[in-house]
Structure formats: C-alpha cells, structure tokens
Amino acid sequence: MTTPLELARQLLGFNTINPPGSEADCMRFFADWLDESGFEVSLSSFGEGRCNLIASLPGAKSGKPLAFTGHLDTVPLGNARWQYDPFGSQMEDGRLYGRGSSDMKAAIAAFAVACVHQREAILAGRGAVLLITGGEETGCDGARALIASATLPEVGALIVGEPTANYPVIGHKGALWLRCETRGKTAHGAMPELGINAIYLAADALGKIQHFSPGAPHPLMKQPTLNVGLIEGGLNINSVPDRTRFDVDIRSAPNLQHATIRERLTTLLG
C-alpha cells in the first residue's frame, strides 16, 4: 500500500506553480490514484489547465460525511536559489524538500492515505469526502468555481490540511476589505483656497478610522483588527487633489457581522 510519503513525493513531482496555474496534470494523476484506491471520483475544469476534484467513499450509515480539503497549486519559486530541486522530492535528515511540501501536498497525501487505511471503517460509517481545489494561491478561484457549480456535497465537518505547526486550529478570522474614497475640488497649487483637498479629507477620515474598533473580542480569536494598507491620491505636486482612495483590511470573528461593521464605519465617517 502506498505510504503518505510516497504519494507526497509523487505529487511534488508536478509543477503546479500559481501563477500561472496549471494543476490539471497533477489533479488527473491524483484522481487516477484515488480511483484505483476505491474512491468515487469527479473532476471539473474551471479554465484551461485548471481542475478541481471531488472524491468520496460513501458510508452505509445515514448522516453527513467527514470531509477533508486542500489545494494542489503552490506559490512561485521566488528569486532565491534553491538548495534542492523544487520538483525533485528529495529527502534529507528526515525532511522532504520541494515546492508545496508544506503548503500543502504532503497534507493531501496524508489524509488521502489515511482514508484508504481506514476504508472499511469509513464505508461502514458515514463516509468521507475529499475536496481538492486549484487556484487557491491567487484568490481561491477553484474553490469559487466549485461552489458555483452546485456540486458540493453536504458534509458534517471539514478538516483543512493547511500547515499549522501540528497545532489544531478550529477556525480563523474573516476578511472584510473596504475601499474608501474622498472627493474634493481641484485647483492650482498656488491657489489652494479655491479647491477642496481630497487628501486632507482622507487624513481626517483616517484619524477617525485609526481609533475604530470593529467589535468585541472573540473567546478564541481574540480582538478583531483593522489596518489601512493602501492609499493613493493626487496627480501632480502643483495641483489640489480632488480624489483620494484608501483600502481598509478588517479581520473579523464569528461573533461579528460584516454588514454591521460596515454600517458603523460608514456612520463614523459620515
């Protein structure tokens, strides 16, 4: 029987760097492996060279199955010189080296092989489902396509194989990204009194935002956070800018509603 390490090394042999994104060959290989291991497998395309995969072991008992999820695309190699071939799956001192070994082909191999090892128990129980996507590194394109396809099965619980230093994480903060604009009136820089400076308006707004609290702390995820990560305004130094834009990154928790946060922030800024 294939070991998790053997399967992980096989998956690492595929170049699934994203961008540009090309998971299809790796996904088809994995689909064949799952099919040979007794899974019911379905592949779906969401673009040229892009694939998602749903594999299931149907259970005999009623109730929703346990699901595992992960992505087969990886981030680019970067500019630094690699000590090992990023697609060579090399082992040294008990460590597996390759692009995607941690994030997250090894985890996919681990839960896939675990399901095969426990196949009889799974079939006698409520079953298991693997949800494997592409495009995670560039906005979760594959996951969005999977949701839009309406082919997702209902599951009782979902285990995500992302690397967390072997520490169980039961959830993470949500993300609310907001784009704010201030609009003024342009004028020549030598006569600023004839205009309305949109950068000054933005500065006033940012002063208020700096002390804005998105909401109460969560018992596990602690304090929600806010950060202004991008600002731009003005076209040239000798003009009064009539438009400024800044982007706000709010990390929320399950006890908060995004609509409520947005409404409070809108009221604050007027």
Protein backbone atom coordinates (compact mmCIF):
# COMPACT_ATOMS: atom_id res chain seq x y z
CA MET A 1 0.00 0.00 0.00
CA THR A 2 1.21 3.49 -0.85
CA THR A 3 2.59 5.45 2.11
CA PRO A 4 1.85 9.14 2.68
CA LEU A 5 5.48 9.95 1.93
CA GLU A 6 5.43 8.07 -1.36
CA LEU A 7 2.27 9.81 -2.51
CA ALA A 8 3.55 13.21 -1.38
CA ARG A 9 6.75 12.74 -3.38
CA GLN A 10 4.72 11.84 -6.46
CA LEU A 11 2.56 14.95 -6.10
CA LEU A 12 5.63 17.13 -5.60
CA GLY A 13 6.99 15.97 -8.94
CA PHE A 14 4.32 18.05 -10.71
CA ASN A 15 4.90 21.74 -11.33
CA THR A 16 1.68 23.39 -10.12
CA ILE A 17 3.05 26.89 -9.54
CA ASN A 18 0.34 29.54 -9.47
CA PRO A 19 0.50 31.95 -11.19
CA PRO A 20 0.25 30.99 -13.97
CA GLY A 21 -1.68 27.98 -12.62
CA SER A 22 -1.69 24.55 -14.20
CA GLU A 23 -2.91 21.88 -11.81
CA ALA A 24 -4.67 19.63 -14.31
CA ASP A 25 -1.92 17.03 -14.83
CA CYS A 26 -1.33 16.68 -11.10
CA MET A 27 -5.06 16.57 -10.44
CA ARG A 28 -5.60 13.83 -13.04
CA PHE A 29 -2.77 11.77 -11.58
CA PHE A 30 -4.30 12.10 -8.12
CA ALA A 31 -7.76 11.30 -9.48
CA ASP A 32 -6.42 8.07 -11.01
CA TRP A 33 -4.73 7.16 -7.73
CA LEU A 34 -7.96 7.74 -5.80
CA ASP A 35 -9.99 5.77 -8.33
CA GLU A 36 -7.63 2.81 -8.01
CA SER A 37 -7.95 3.11 -4.23
CA GLY A 38 -11.73 2.71 -4.35
CA PHE A 39 -12.96 6.31 -4.30
CA GLU A 40 -15.76 7.66 -6.45
CA VAL A 41 -14.03 10.50 -8.28
CA SER A 42 -15.27 13.53 -10.19
CA LEU A 43 -13.05 16.07 -11.97
CA SER A 44 -14.28 19.51 -13.02
CA SER A 45 -12.50 22.16 -15.07
CA PHE A 46 -12.58 25.88 -14.31
CA GLY A 47 -10.26 27.03 -17.08
CA GLU A 48 -7.50 25.87 -19.39
CA GLY A 49 -5.20 23.61 -17.41
CA ARG A 50 -7.23 24.19 -14.23
CA CYS A 51 -9.06 21.45 -12.32
CA ASN A 52 -10.93 20.65 -9.12
CA LEU A 53 -11.60 17.21 -7.74
CA ILE A 54 -14.26 15.66 -5.52
CA ALA A 55 -13.65 12.10 -4.29
CA SER A 56 -15.89 10.17 -1.94
CA LEU A 57 -16.18 6.94 -0.01
CA PRO A 58 -19.95 6.64 0.58
CA GLY A 59 -20.88 5.39 4.03
CA ALA A 60 -23.56 2.86 4.97
CA LYS A 61 -24.91 4.94 7.86
CA SER A 62 -27.14 7.98 7.49
CA GLY A 63 -25.70 11.35 8.31
CA LYS A 64 -23.25 13.74 6.76
CA PRO A 65 -19.72 12.51 5.99
CA LEU A 66 -16.42 13.87 7.24
CA ALA A 67 -14.64 15.96 4.61
CA PHE A 68 -11.00 16.82 4.01
CA THR A 69 -9.88 19.68 1.81
CA GLY A 70 -6.70 21.05 0.31
CA HIS A 71 -5.24 22.68 -2.79
CA LEU A 72 -2.67 21.35 -5.25
CA ASP A 73 -1.39 24.67 -6.59
CA THR A 74 1.66 26.29 -5.00
CA VAL A 75 3.21 29.73 -4.78
CA PRO A 76 6.07 30.59 -7.20
CA LEU A 77 9.68 29.63 -6.52
CA GLY A 78 10.86 33.16 -5.79
CA ASN A 79 14.22 34.66 -6.75
CA ALA A 80 16.41 32.90 -4.19
CA ARG A 81 18.47 29.94 -5.38
CA TRP A 82 17.06 26.61 -4.20
CA GLN A 83 19.38 24.19 -2.43
CA TYR A 84 17.32 21.27 -3.74
CA ASP A 85 15.39 20.69 -6.95
CA PRO A 86 11.94 22.18 -6.12
CA PHE A 87 10.30 19.33 -8.04
CA GLY A 88 12.78 16.61 -7.08
CA SER A 89 11.05 15.41 -3.89
CA GLN A 90 14.40 14.96 -2.15
CA MET A 91 14.63 13.54 1.37
CA GLU A 92 17.42 14.57 3.74
CA ASP A 93 17.67 14.15 7.52
CA GLY A 94 14.03 13.13 7.73
CA ARG A 95 12.79 16.18 5.82
CA LEU A 96 11.04 16.29 2.46
CA TYR A 97 12.11 19.16 0.21
CA GLY A 98 10.09 20.57 -2.67
CA ARG A 99 7.74 23.39 -3.61
CA GLY A 100 4.46 22.53 -1.93
CA SER A 101 5.83 20.01 0.57
CA SER A 102 4.39 22.02 3.45
CA ASP A 103 1.71 24.02 1.65
CA MET A 104 0.16 21.60 1.04
CA LYS A 105 0.76 18.44 -0.95
CA ALA A 106 2.08 16.42 2.00
CA ALA A 107 -1.13 17.08 3.93
CA ILE A 108 -3.26 15.98 0.98
CA ALA A 109 -1.22 12.79 0.70
CA ALA A 110 -1.56 12.19 4.43
CA PHE A 111 -5.34 12.43 4.63
CA ALA A 112 -5.86 10.56 1.35
CA VAL A 113 -3.74 7.61 2.51
CA ALA A 114 -5.37 7.75 5.96
CA CYS A 115 -8.78 7.34 4.31
CA VAL A 116 -7.50 4.36 2.33
CA HIS A 117 -6.13 2.76 5.51
CA GLN A 118 -9.49 3.30 7.25
CA ARG A 119 -11.58 2.50 4.19
CA GLU A 120 -13.63 -0.31 5.73
CA ALA A 121 -14.48 1.72 8.83
CA ILE A 122 -15.39 4.71 6.66
CA LEU A 123 -17.65 2.62 4.42
CA ALA A 124 -19.36 1.16 7.49
CA GLY A 125 -19.85 4.64 8.94
CA ARG A 126 -20.98 7.92 7.40
CA GLY A 127 -18.38 8.04 4.68
CA ALA A 128 -15.66 10.53 3.75
CA VAL A 129 -15.20 13.18 1.08
CA LEU A 130 -12.05 14.79 -0.33
CA LEU A 131 -12.44 18.29 -1.80
CA ILE A 132 -9.28 19.17 -3.72
CA THR A 133 -9.02 22.52 -5.48
CA GLY A 134 -6.71 24.50 -7.70
CA GLY A 135 -6.20 28.24 -7.77
CA GLU A 136 -6.01 28.76 -4.01
CA GLU A 137 -2.90 30.91 -4.10
CA THR A 138 -4.47 33.58 -6.33
CA GLY A 139 -7.87 34.22 -4.81
CA CYS A 140 -9.30 30.71 -4.37
CA ASP A 141 -10.50 30.55 -7.98
CA GLY A 142 -11.00 26.80 -7.82
CA ALA A 143 -13.00 26.89 -4.61
CA ARG A 144 -15.22 29.64 -6.01
CA ALA A 145 -15.81 27.58 -9.15
CA LEU A 146 -16.63 24.54 -7.05
CA ILE A 147 -19.20 26.49 -5.06
CA ALA A 148 -20.72 27.98 -8.21
CA SER A 149 -21.04 24.53 -9.80
CA ALA A 150 -23.51 23.44 -7.09
CA THR A 151 -21.82 20.02 -6.93
CA LEU A 152 -20.55 20.32 -3.38
CA PRO A 153 -21.92 17.58 -1.12
CA GLU A 154 -23.21 18.36 2.34
CA VAL A 155 -20.68 17.40 4.99
CA GLY A 156 -20.76 17.12 8.75
CA ALA A 157 -17.31 18.57 9.41
CA LEU A 158 -14.38 19.81 7.35
CA ILE A 159 -10.69 19.29 8.09
CA VAL A 160 -8.34 21.65 6.25
CA GLY A 161 -4.82 20.34 5.77
CA GLU A 162 -3.05 23.72 5.79
CA PRO A 163 0.22 23.73 7.79
CA THR A 164 -0.35 24.87 11.38
CA ALA A 165 2.82 23.52 13.08
CA ASN A 166 0.90 20.41 14.21
CA TYR A 167 -1.38 22.58 16.32
CA PRO A 168 -5.12 22.14 15.74
CA VAL A 169 -6.80 25.33 14.54
CA ILE A 170 -10.59 25.28 14.64
CA GLY A 171 -11.11 28.41 12.56
CA HIS A 172 -9.64 31.75 11.59
CA LYS A 173 -10.72 35.34 11.27
CA GLY A 174 -12.77 36.52 8.35
CA ALA A 175 -11.67 39.29 5.99
CA LEU A 176 -13.65 42.41 5.15
CA TRP A 177 -11.90 44.60 2.60
CA LEU A 178 -13.32 48.05 2.03
CA ARG A 179 -12.33 50.74 -0.46
CA CYS A 180 -12.97 54.31 0.66
CA GLU A 181 -12.85 57.45 -1.45
CA THR A 182 -12.79 61.13 -0.63
CA ARG A 183 -13.72 63.65 -3.29
CA GLY A 184 -12.78 67.31 -3.27
CA LYS A 185 -12.35 70.05 -5.83
CA THR A 186 -9.24 70.60 -7.89
CA ALA A 187 -7.43 73.93 -8.14
CA HIS A 188 -3.94 75.19 -8.89
CA GLY A 189 -1.43 74.57 -6.12
CA ALA A 190 -0.72 78.30 -5.91
CA MET A 191 -4.38 78.97 -5.05
CA PRO A 192 -5.40 76.09 -2.78
CA GLU A 193 -8.15 78.18 -1.20
CA LEU A 194 -10.12 77.76 -4.43
CA GLY A 195 -10.17 73.99 -4.11
CA ILE A 196 -11.05 71.27 -1.64
CA ASN A 197 -8.10 68.98 -0.91
CA ALA A 198 -9.19 65.34 -1.02
CA ILE A 199 -6.00 64.24 0.74
CA TYR A 200 -6.87 66.42 3.73
CA LEU A 201 -10.35 64.88 3.74
CA ALA A 202 -8.77 61.43 3.70
CA ALA A 203 -6.44 62.40 6.53
CA ASP A 204 -9.43 63.40 8.66
CA ALA A 205 -11.13 60.10 7.86
CA LEU A 206 -8.00 58.09 8.65
CA GLY A 207 -7.71 59.81 12.00
CA LYS A 208 -11.17 58.53 12.88
CA ILE A 209 -10.54 55.05 11.46
CA GLN A 210 -7.33 54.66 13.46
CA HIS A 211 -9.35 54.52 16.67
CA PHE A 212 -12.26 52.47 15.29
CA SER A 213 -12.88 49.08 16.90
CA PRO A 214 -14.56 46.51 14.61
CA GLY A 215 -16.20 44.85 17.60
CA ALA A 216 -15.84 42.85 20.79
CA PRO A 217 -13.12 40.21 21.18
CA HIS A 218 -13.88 36.58 20.38
CA PRO A 219 -13.13 33.93 23.05
CA LEU A 220 -10.72 32.09 20.74
CA MET A 221 -9.76 34.54 18.00
CA LYS A 222 -9.32 37.47 20.35
CA GLN A 223 -9.51 41.07 19.15
CA PRO A 224 -10.66 41.81 15.59
CA THR A 225 -8.22 44.06 13.76
CA LEU A 226 -8.20 46.91 11.27
CA ASN A 227 -5.41 48.09 9.00
CA VAL A 228 -5.25 50.70 6.26
CA GLY A 229 -2.91 49.02 3.81
CA LEU A 230 -3.05 51.21 0.71
CA ILE A 231 -3.59 54.89 -0.02
CA GLU A 232 -3.26 56.92 -3.21
CA GLY A 233 -4.27 60.40 -4.25
CA GLY A 234 -3.24 63.33 -6.36
CA LEU A 235 -1.86 63.56 -9.87
CA ASN A 236 0.92 66.14 -9.52
CA ILE A 237 2.52 68.24 -6.83
CA ASN A 238 1.23 71.61 -8.01
CA SER A 239 -2.48 70.78 -8.04
CA VAL A 240 -5.07 70.43 -5.31
CA PRO A 241 -6.11 66.75 -5.46
CA ASP A 242 -9.81 66.16 -6.00
CA ARG A 243 -9.78 62.43 -5.27
CA THR A 244 -8.10 60.12 -2.77
CA ARG A 245 -8.59 56.42 -2.26
CA PHE A 246 -7.58 54.17 0.61
CA ASP A 247 -8.19 50.49 1.29
CA VAL A 248 -9.14 49.09 4.68
CA ASP A 249 -8.45 45.50 5.75
CA ILE A 250 -10.65 44.34 8.64
CA ARG A 251 -10.18 40.88 10.15
CA SER A 252 -13.39 39.85 11.85
CA ALA A 253 -14.51 36.99 14.07
CA PRO A 254 -17.61 34.73 14.11
CA ASN A 255 -19.33 36.94 16.69
CA LEU A 256 -19.37 39.88 14.25
CA GLN A 257 -21.43 40.66 11.15
CA HIS A 258 -19.70 42.35 8.22
CA ALA A 259 -22.80 44.38 7.38
CA THR A 260 -22.87 45.78 10.92
CA ILE A 261 -19.17 46.68 10.84
CA ARG A 262 -19.59 48.44 7.52
CA GLU A 263 -22.66 50.35 8.74
CA ARG A 264 -20.83 51.52 11.88
CA LEU A 265 -17.80 52.62 9.88
CA THR A 266 -19.99 54.46 7.36
CA THR A 267 -21.74 56.29 10.20
CA LEU A 268 -18.38 57.22 11.74
CA LEU A 269 -17.07 58.70 8.52
CA GLY A 270 -20.33 60.44 7.71
